[in-house]
Amino acid sequence: MYLNNLMMDPERFDRLVQIAQSSLLPMVKGALYNTIPLTLISFVLGLALAVLTALARISKMSFLQWIARIYVSIIRGTPLLVQLFIIFYGLPTLNISIDPFPAAVIGFSLNVGAYASEVIRAAILSIPKGQWEAGYSVGMNYVQALRRIILPQAARVSVPPLSNTFISLVKDTSLASLILVTEMFRVAQQVAARTYEFLLLYTEAALLYWVICFLLSLIQQRLEGKFDRYVSR
């Protein structure tokens, strides 16, 4: 019905085409300048935090274990949107004001750190204890065995779920629009507010997200192949 109405109204069809064309470049710029950098920075920081959290969870120090467990429980037990609102809108109550982009980085990094830590912890625990013993038998200490033997093998196990986490993060960055980060979806909202063509603009944004995630899935497949070859050596 919607498409039939468009075909019956050439002027409206031409207007929609013009809006789609004029909004494409701003949305692509929003992706290049904010969506992708926000995803990359948040994932790198979150991954570093995830490794530390995972190591704390499997350490023999109960104090570190409890800190890591509480952190993971809080992040996994509360919505990401609520976390972003607390950081950006709530902290100013305590005279702690953070700009939109850094606030989004903090929120997404904490979220990635909690979820990815469980992936990394499970991957480390999946490595047979004999691998640890083999490292100790040749004179390695805990850190050396972890870095040279355990983590390379755990990385192979972690690649698929961590890649999925990264791709999900790309889509989750759309939530940053609600704390005034001018990423791709925020641009779509701004154009839609001016033109009132919400279906067109949001569909266009969805297609751009799909293209980005599709390209990332191809990269994921190549990474998995490289790790397979590395481990099989």
C-alpha atoms as a PDB file:
ATOM      1  CA  MET A   1       0.000   0.000   0.000  1.00  0.00           C
ATOM      2  CA  TYR A   2       2.757   2.447   0.961  1.00  0.00           C
ATOM      3  CA  LEU A   3       4.735   1.696  -2.213  1.00  0.00           C
ATOM      4  CA  ASN A   4       1.607   1.923  -4.349  1.00  0.00           C
ATOM      5  CA  ASN A   5       0.845   5.356  -2.937  1.00  0.00           C
ATOM      6  CA  LEU A   6       4.374   6.477  -3.764  1.00  0.00           C
ATOM      7  CA  MET A   7       4.076   5.290  -7.346  1.00  0.00           C
ATOM      8  CA  MET A   8       0.807   7.190  -7.654  1.00  0.00           C
ATOM      9  CA  ASP A   9       2.456  10.371  -6.351  1.00  0.00           C
ATOM     10  CA  PRO A  10       5.630  11.099  -8.368  1.00  0.00           C
ATOM     11  CA  GLU A  11       6.289  14.386  -6.576  1.00  0.00           C
ATOM     12  CA  ARG A  12       6.371  12.714  -3.170  1.00  0.00           C
ATOM     13  CA  PHE A  13       8.556   9.917  -4.559  1.00  0.00           C
ATOM     14  CA  ASP A  14      11.039  12.474  -5.923  1.00  0.00           C
ATOM     15  CA  ARG A  15      11.028  14.277  -2.585  1.00  0.00           C
ATOM     16  CA  LEU A  16      11.827  11.056  -0.719  1.00  0.00           C
ATOM     17  CA  VAL A  17      14.653  10.289  -3.125  1.00  0.00           C
ATOM     18  CA  GLN A  18      16.108  13.760  -2.570  1.00  0.00           C
ATOM     19  CA  ILE A  19      15.863  13.409   1.209  1.00  0.00           C
ATOM     20  CA  ALA A  20      17.515   9.980   1.112  1.00  0.00           C
ATOM     21  CA  GLN A  21      20.338  11.264  -1.075  1.00  0.00           C
ATOM     22  CA  SER A  22      20.922  14.430   0.942  1.00  0.00           C
ATOM     23  CA  SER A  23      20.880  12.598   4.273  1.00  0.00           C
ATOM     24  CA  LEU A  24      23.227   9.785   3.203  1.00  0.00           C
ATOM     25  CA  LEU A  25      26.452  11.772   3.441  1.00  0.00           C
ATOM     26  CA  PRO A  26      25.676  13.296   6.886  1.00  0.00           C
ATOM     27  CA  MET A  27      24.839   9.843   8.235  1.00  0.00           C
ATOM     28  CA  VAL A  28      28.015   8.370   6.768  1.00  0.00           C
ATOM     29  CA  LYS A  29      29.985  11.212   8.370  1.00  0.00           C
ATOM     30  CA  GLY A  30      28.240  10.496  11.673  1.00  0.00           C
ATOM     31  CA  ALA A  31      29.350   6.883  11.349  1.00  0.00           C
ATOM     32  CA  LEU A  32      32.943   7.758  10.438  1.00  0.00           C
ATOM     33  CA  TYR A  33      33.411  10.544  12.991  1.00  0.00           C
ATOM     34  CA  ASN A  34      31.483   9.132  15.942  1.00  0.00           C
ATOM     35  CA  THR A  35      29.922   5.665  15.547  1.00  0.00           C
ATOM     36  CA  ILE A  36      33.058   3.812  14.432  1.00  0.00           C
ATOM     37  CA  PRO A  37      35.539   5.686  16.705  1.00  0.00           C
ATOM     38  CA  LEU A  38      33.167   5.238  19.642  1.00  0.00           C
ATOM     39  CA  THR A  39      32.946   1.521  18.921  1.00  0.00           C
ATOM     40  CA  LEU A  40      36.707   1.039  18.518  1.00  0.00           C
ATOM     41  CA  ILE A  41      37.732   3.048  21.587  1.00  0.00           C
ATOM     42  CA  SER A  42      35.076   1.488  23.788  1.00  0.00           C
ATOM     43  CA  PHE A  43      35.920  -2.038  22.642  1.00  0.00           C
ATOM     44  CA  VAL A  44      39.677  -1.659  23.171  1.00  0.00           C
ATOM     45  CA  LEU A  45      39.225  -0.166  26.641  1.00  0.00           C
ATOM     46  CA  GLY A  46      36.498  -2.673  27.471  1.00  0.00           C
ATOM     47  CA  LEU A  47      38.655  -5.582  26.319  1.00  0.00           C
ATOM     48  CA  ALA A  48      41.542  -4.446  28.517  1.00  0.00           C
ATOM     49  CA  LEU A  49      39.141  -4.152  31.440  1.00  0.00           C
ATOM     50  CA  ALA A  50      37.702  -7.576  30.593  1.00  0.00           C
ATOM     51  CA  VAL A  51      41.122  -9.239  30.746  1.00  0.00           C
ATOM     52  CA  LEU A  52      41.840  -7.686  34.141  1.00  0.00           C
ATOM     53  CA  THR A  53      38.399  -8.662  35.418  1.00  0.00           C
ATOM     54  CA  ALA A  54      38.735 -12.222  34.139  1.00  0.00           C
ATOM     55  CA  LEU A  55      42.149 -12.592  35.790  1.00  0.00           C
ATOM     56  CA  ALA A  56      40.706 -11.214  39.021  1.00  0.00           C
ATOM     57  CA  ARG A  57      37.863 -13.742  38.851  1.00  0.00           C
ATOM     58  CA  ILE A  58      40.254 -16.703  38.543  1.00  0.00           C
ATOM     59  CA  SER A  59      42.827 -15.371  41.007  1.00  0.00           C
ATOM     60  CA  LYS A  60      43.301 -16.921  44.432  1.00  0.00           C
ATOM     61  CA  MET A  61      42.755 -13.567  46.154  1.00  0.00           C
ATOM     62  CA  SER A  62      39.186 -13.493  47.418  1.00  0.00           C
ATOM     63  CA  PHE A  63      39.227  -9.693  47.652  1.00  0.00           C
ATOM     64  CA  LEU A  64      39.851  -9.350  43.910  1.00  0.00           C
ATOM     65  CA  GLN A  65      37.305 -12.041  43.157  1.00  0.00           C
ATOM     66  CA  TRP A  66      34.575 -10.220  45.055  1.00  0.00           C
ATOM     67  CA  ILE A  67      35.347  -6.859  43.426  1.00  0.00           C
ATOM     68  CA  ALA A  68      35.206  -8.458  39.973  1.00  0.00           C
ATOM     69  CA  ARG A  69      31.991 -10.325  40.773  1.00  0.00           C
ATOM     70  CA  ILE A  70      30.230  -7.222  42.082  1.00  0.00           C
ATOM     71  CA  TYR A  71      31.300  -5.200  39.030  1.00  0.00           C
ATOM     72  CA  VAL A  72      30.110  -7.874  36.590  1.00  0.00           C
ATOM     73  CA  SER A  73      26.851  -8.371  38.510  1.00  0.00           C
ATOM     74  CA  ILE A  74      26.013  -4.661  38.512  1.00  0.00           C
ATOM     75  CA  ILE A  75      26.764  -4.113  34.826  1.00  0.00           C
ATOM     76  CA  ARG A  76      25.044  -7.284  33.636  1.00  0.00           C
ATOM     77  CA  GLY A  77      22.071  -6.709  35.928  1.00  0.00           C
ATOM     78  CA  THR A  78      21.224  -3.176  34.781  1.00  0.00           C
ATOM     79  CA  PRO A  79      20.224  -1.864  31.323  1.00  0.00           C
ATOM     80  CA  LEU A  80      22.930  -0.182  29.260  1.00  0.00           C
ATOM     81  CA  LEU A  81      20.667   2.806  28.673  1.00  0.00           C
ATOM     82  CA  VAL A  82      20.279   3.330  32.427  1.00  0.00           C
ATOM     83  CA  GLN A  83      24.049   3.164  32.849  1.00  0.00           C
ATOM     84  CA  LEU A  84      24.541   5.841  30.178  1.00  0.00           C
ATOM     85  CA  PHE A  85      21.916   8.064  31.801  1.00  0.00           C
ATOM     86  CA  ILE A  86      23.558   7.715  35.218  1.00  0.00           C
ATOM     87  CA  ILE A  87      26.959   8.678  33.807  1.00  0.00           C
ATOM     88  CA  PHE A  88      25.776  11.593  31.669  1.00  0.00           C
ATOM     89  CA  TYR A  89      22.699  12.924  33.463  1.00  0.00           C
ATOM     90  CA  GLY A  90      23.176  11.587  36.991  1.00  0.00           C
ATOM     91  CA  LEU A  91      26.799  12.389  37.809  1.00  0.00           C
ATOM     92  CA  PRO A  92      26.347  16.181  37.333  1.00  0.00           C
ATOM     93  CA  THR A  93      24.289  16.000  40.543  1.00  0.00           C
ATOM     94  CA  LEU A  94      27.617  15.205  42.240  1.00  0.00           C
ATOM     95  CA  ASN A  95      29.316  18.046  40.329  1.00  0.00           C
ATOM     96  CA  ILE A  96      30.897  15.544  37.943  1.00  0.00           C
ATOM     97  CA  SER A  97      30.098  16.662  34.417  1.00  0.00           C
ATOM     98  CA  ILE A  98      31.321  14.591  31.468  1.00  0.00           C
ATOM     99  CA  ASP A  99      30.991  15.526  27.815  1.00  0.00           C
ATOM    100  CA  PRO A 100      28.734  13.308  25.678  1.00  0.00           C
ATOM    101  CA  PHE A 101      31.426  11.377  23.784  1.00  0.00           C
ATOM    102  CA  PRO A 102      33.617  10.532  26.827  1.00  0.00           C
ATOM    103  CA  ALA A 103      30.490   9.636  28.794  1.00  0.00           C
ATOM    104  CA  ALA A 104      29.478   7.213  26.053  1.00  0.00           C
ATOM    105  CA  VAL A 105      32.992   5.720  25.970  1.00  0.00           C
ATOM    106  CA  ILE A 106      32.898   5.144  29.730  1.00  0.00           C
ATOM    107  CA  GLY A 107      29.458   3.547  29.601  1.00  0.00           C
ATOM    108  CA  PHE A 108      30.171   1.263  26.667  1.00  0.00           C
ATOM    109  CA  SER A 109      33.634   0.302  27.972  1.00  0.00           C
ATOM    110  CA  LEU A 110      32.235  -0.727  31.335  1.00  0.00           C
ATOM    111  CA  ASN A 111      29.530  -2.733  29.600  1.00  0.00           C
ATOM    112  CA  VAL A 112      31.930  -4.498  27.240  1.00  0.00           C
ATOM    113  CA  GLY A 113      34.351  -5.148  30.103  1.00  0.00           C
ATOM    114  CA  ALA A 114      31.722  -6.980  32.136  1.00  0.00           C
ATOM    115  CA  TYR A 115      30.324  -9.146  29.355  1.00  0.00           C
ATOM    116  CA  ALA A 116      33.649  -9.884  27.658  1.00  0.00           C
ATOM    117  CA  SER A 117      35.262 -10.805  30.974  1.00  0.00           C
ATOM    118  CA  GLU A 118      32.987 -13.825  31.231  1.00  0.00           C
ATOM    119  CA  VAL A 119      33.990 -14.886  27.716  1.00  0.00           C
ATOM    120  CA  ILE A 120      37.686 -14.545  28.491  1.00  0.00           C
ATOM    121  CA  ARG A 121      37.368 -16.236  31.870  1.00  0.00           C
ATOM    122  CA  ALA A 122      35.583 -19.208  30.295  1.00  0.00           C
ATOM    123  CA  ALA A 123      38.197 -19.386  27.547  1.00  0.00           C
ATOM    124  CA  ILE A 124      41.077 -19.421  30.052  1.00  0.00           C
ATOM    125  CA  LEU A 125      39.387 -22.069  32.184  1.00  0.00           C
ATOM    126  CA  SER A 126      38.823 -24.209  29.075  1.00  0.00           C
ATOM    127  CA  ILE A 127      42.578 -24.625  28.587  1.00  0.00           C
ATOM    128  CA  PRO A 128      43.705 -27.959  30.124  1.00  0.00           C
ATOM    129  CA  LYS A 129      45.702 -27.705  33.342  1.00  0.00           C
ATOM    130  CA  GLY A 130      48.421 -29.697  31.642  1.00  0.00           C
ATOM    131  CA  GLN A 131      49.244 -26.574  29.619  1.00  0.00           C
ATOM    132  CA  TRP A 132      49.993 -24.698  32.828  1.00  0.00           C
ATOM    133  CA  GLU A 133      52.080 -27.576  34.118  1.00  0.00           C
ATOM    134  CA  ALA A 134      54.001 -27.721  30.847  1.00  0.00           C
ATOM    135  CA  GLY A 135      54.920 -24.064  31.244  1.00  0.00           C
ATOM    136  CA  TYR A 136      55.997 -24.512  34.842  1.00  0.00           C
ATOM    137  CA  SER A 137      58.069 -27.555  33.907  1.00  0.00           C
ATOM    138  CA  VAL A 138      60.278 -25.462  31.605  1.00  0.00           C
ATOM    139  CA  GLY A 139      60.824 -22.801  34.252  1.00  0.00           C
ATOM    140  CA  MET A 140      58.073 -20.316  33.439  1.00  0.00           C
ATOM    141  CA  ASN A 141      56.340 -18.390  36.195  1.00  0.00           C
ATOM    142  CA  TYR A 142      52.590 -17.693  36.299  1.00  0.00           C
ATOM    143  CA  VAL A 143      52.761 -14.531  34.182  1.00  0.00           C
ATOM    144  CA  GLN A 144      55.019 -16.086  31.550  1.00  0.00           C
ATOM    145  CA  ALA A 145      52.866 -19.215  31.242  1.00  0.00           C
ATOM    146  CA  LEU A 146      49.757 -17.074  31.001  1.00  0.00           C
ATOM    147  CA  ARG A 147      51.198 -14.780  28.339  1.00  0.00           C
ATOM    148  CA  ARG A 148      53.029 -17.356  26.211  1.00  0.00           C
ATOM    149  CA  ILE A 149      50.857 -20.455  26.491  1.00  0.00           C
ATOM    150  CA  ILE A 150      47.416 -19.846  27.943  1.00  0.00           C
ATOM    151  CA  LEU A 151      46.293 -16.519  26.446  1.00  0.00           C
ATOM    152  CA  PRO A 152      47.210 -17.397  22.815  1.00  0.00           C
ATOM    153  CA  GLN A 153      45.085 -20.542  23.061  1.00  0.00           C
ATOM    154  CA  ALA A 154      42.305 -18.740  24.923  1.00  0.00           C
ATOM    155  CA  ALA A 155      42.315 -16.041  22.259  1.00  0.00           C
ATOM    156  CA  ARG A 156      41.330 -18.576  19.612  1.00  0.00           C
ATOM    157  CA  VAL A 157      38.381 -19.709  21.701  1.00  0.00           C
ATOM    158  CA  SER A 158      37.399 -16.118  22.437  1.00  0.00           C
ATOM    159  CA  VAL A 159      37.462 -14.751  18.888  1.00  0.00           C
ATOM    160  CA  PRO A 160      33.905 -15.735  17.794  1.00  0.00           C
ATOM    161  CA  PRO A 161      32.060 -14.498  20.922  1.00  0.00           C
ATOM    162  CA  LEU A 162      34.222 -11.365  21.198  1.00  0.00           C
ATOM    163  CA  SER A 163      33.619 -10.605  17.530  1.00  0.00           C
ATOM    164  CA  ASN A 164      29.898 -10.904  18.168  1.00  0.00           C
ATOM    165  CA  THR A 165      30.301  -8.541  21.117  1.00  0.00           C
ATOM    166  CA  PHE A 166      32.053  -6.041  18.855  1.00  0.00           C
ATOM    167  CA  ILE A 167      29.330  -6.240  16.216  1.00  0.00           C
ATOM    168  CA  SER A 168      26.655  -5.837  18.899  1.00  0.00           C
ATOM    169  CA  LEU A 169      28.525  -2.800  20.204  1.00  0.00           C
ATOM    170  CA  VAL A 170      28.266  -1.153  16.788  1.00  0.00           C
ATOM    171  CA  LYS A 171      24.484  -1.401  17.041  1.00  0.00           C
ATOM    172  CA  ASP A 172      24.423  -0.407  20.716  1.00  0.00           C
ATOM    173  CA  THR A 173      26.173   2.881  19.915  1.00  0.00           C
ATOM    174  CA  SER A 174      22.804   4.098  18.632  1.00  0.00           C
ATOM    175  CA  LEU A 175      21.908   4.526  22.317  1.00  0.00           C
ATOM    176  CA  ALA A 176      24.555   7.262  22.498  1.00  0.00           C
ATOM    177  CA  SER A 177      22.139   9.460  20.561  1.00  0.00           C
ATOM    178  CA  LEU A 178      20.109   9.740  23.766  1.00  0.00           C
ATOM    179  CA  ILE A 179      23.031  11.430  25.532  1.00  0.00           C
ATOM    180  CA  LEU A 180      23.574  13.864  22.636  1.00  0.00           C
ATOM    181  CA  VAL A 181      26.413  12.101  20.807  1.00  0.00           C
ATOM    182  CA  THR A 182      26.047  12.995  17.127  1.00  0.00           C
ATOM    183  CA  GLU A 183      26.549   9.478  15.812  1.00  0.00           C
ATOM    184  CA  MET A 184      24.809   7.991  12.806  1.00  0.00           C
ATOM    185  CA  PHE A 185      21.400   7.401  14.369  1.00  0.00           C
ATOM    186  CA  ARG A 186      21.408  10.861  15.968  1.00  0.00           C
ATOM    187  CA  VAL A 187      21.904  12.363  12.508  1.00  0.00           C
ATOM    188  CA  ALA A 188      18.975  10.292  11.223  1.00  0.00           C
ATOM    189  CA  GLN A 189      16.834  11.590  14.088  1.00  0.00           C
ATOM    190  CA  GLN A 190      17.772  15.190  13.330  1.00  0.00           C
ATOM    191  CA  VAL A 191      16.949  14.886   9.634  1.00  0.00           C
ATOM    192  CA  ALA A 192      13.709  13.052  10.407  1.00  0.00           C
ATOM    193  CA  ALA A 193      12.679  15.799  12.827  1.00  0.00           C
ATOM    194  CA  ARG A 194      13.066  18.371  10.043  1.00  0.00           C
ATOM    195  CA  THR A 195      11.446  16.390   7.230  1.00  0.00           C
ATOM    196  CA  TYR A 196       8.949  14.236   9.168  1.00  0.00           C
ATOM    197  CA  GLU A 197       9.986  11.260   7.004  1.00  0.00           C
ATOM    198  CA  PHE A 198      10.677   8.965   9.942  1.00  0.00           C
ATOM    199  CA  LEU A 199      10.190   5.664   8.114  1.00  0.00           C
ATOM    200  CA  LEU A 200      12.541   6.639   5.306  1.00  0.00           C
ATOM    201  CA  LEU A 201      15.334   7.979   7.524  1.00  0.00           C
ATOM    202  CA  TYR A 202      15.227   5.202  10.103  1.00  0.00           C
ATOM    203  CA  THR A 203      15.169   2.570   7.355  1.00  0.00           C
ATOM    204  CA  GLU A 204      18.167   4.234   5.732  1.00  0.00           C
ATOM    205  CA  ALA A 205      20.003   4.219   9.059  1.00  0.00           C
ATOM    206  CA  ALA A 206      19.123   0.545   9.557  1.00  0.00           C
ATOM    207  CA  LEU A 207      20.569  -0.311   6.144  1.00  0.00           C
ATOM    208  CA  LEU A 208      23.810   1.510   6.974  1.00  0.00           C
ATOM    209  CA  TYR A 209      24.104  -0.376  10.260  1.00  0.00           C
ATOM    210  CA  TRP A 210      23.520  -3.609   8.375  1.00  0.00           C
ATOM    211  CA  VAL A 211      26.258  -2.806   5.836  1.00  0.00           C
ATOM    212  CA  ILE A 212      28.748  -2.052   8.616  1.00  0.00           C
ATOM    213  CA  CYS A 213      27.877  -5.219  10.526  1.00  0.00           C
ATOM    214  CA  PHE A 214      28.016  -7.317   7.365  1.00  0.00           C
ATOM    215  CA  LEU A 215      31.535  -6.076   6.597  1.00  0.00           C
ATOM    216  CA  LEU A 216      32.567  -6.767  10.183  1.00  0.00           C
ATOM    217  CA  SER A 217      31.203 -10.307   9.946  1.00  0.00           C
ATOM    218  CA  LEU A 218      33.441 -10.892   6.917  1.00  0.00           C
ATOM    219  CA  ILE A 219      36.433  -9.652   8.899  1.00  0.00           C
ATOM    220  CA  GLN A 220      35.405 -11.960  11.737  1.00  0.00           C
ATOM    221  CA  GLN A 221      35.505 -14.959   9.422  1.00  0.00           C
ATOM    222  CA  ARG A 222      39.008 -14.064   8.246  1.00  0.00           C
ATOM    223  CA  LEU A 223      40.214 -13.648  11.822  1.00  0.00           C
ATOM    224  CA  GLU A 224      38.830 -17.031  12.810  1.00  0.00           C
ATOM    225  CA  GLY A 225      40.603 -18.602   9.849  1.00  0.00           C
ATOM    226  CA  LYS A 226      43.918 -17.014  10.819  1.00  0.00           C
ATOM    227  CA  PHE A 227      43.606 -18.182  14.414  1.00  0.00           C
ATOM    228  CA  ASP A 228      42.769 -21.693  13.222  1.00  0.00           C
ATOM    229  CA  ARG A 229      45.942 -21.787  11.161  1.00  0.00           C
ATOM    230  CA  TYR A 230      47.967 -20.322  14.024  1.00  0.00           C
ATOM    231  CA  VAL A 231      46.738 -22.865  16.566  1.00  0.00           C
ATOM    232  CA  SER A 232      47.165 -25.807  14.162  1.00  0.00           C
ATOM    233  CA  ARG A 233      50.867 -25.077  13.745  1.00  0.00           C
END
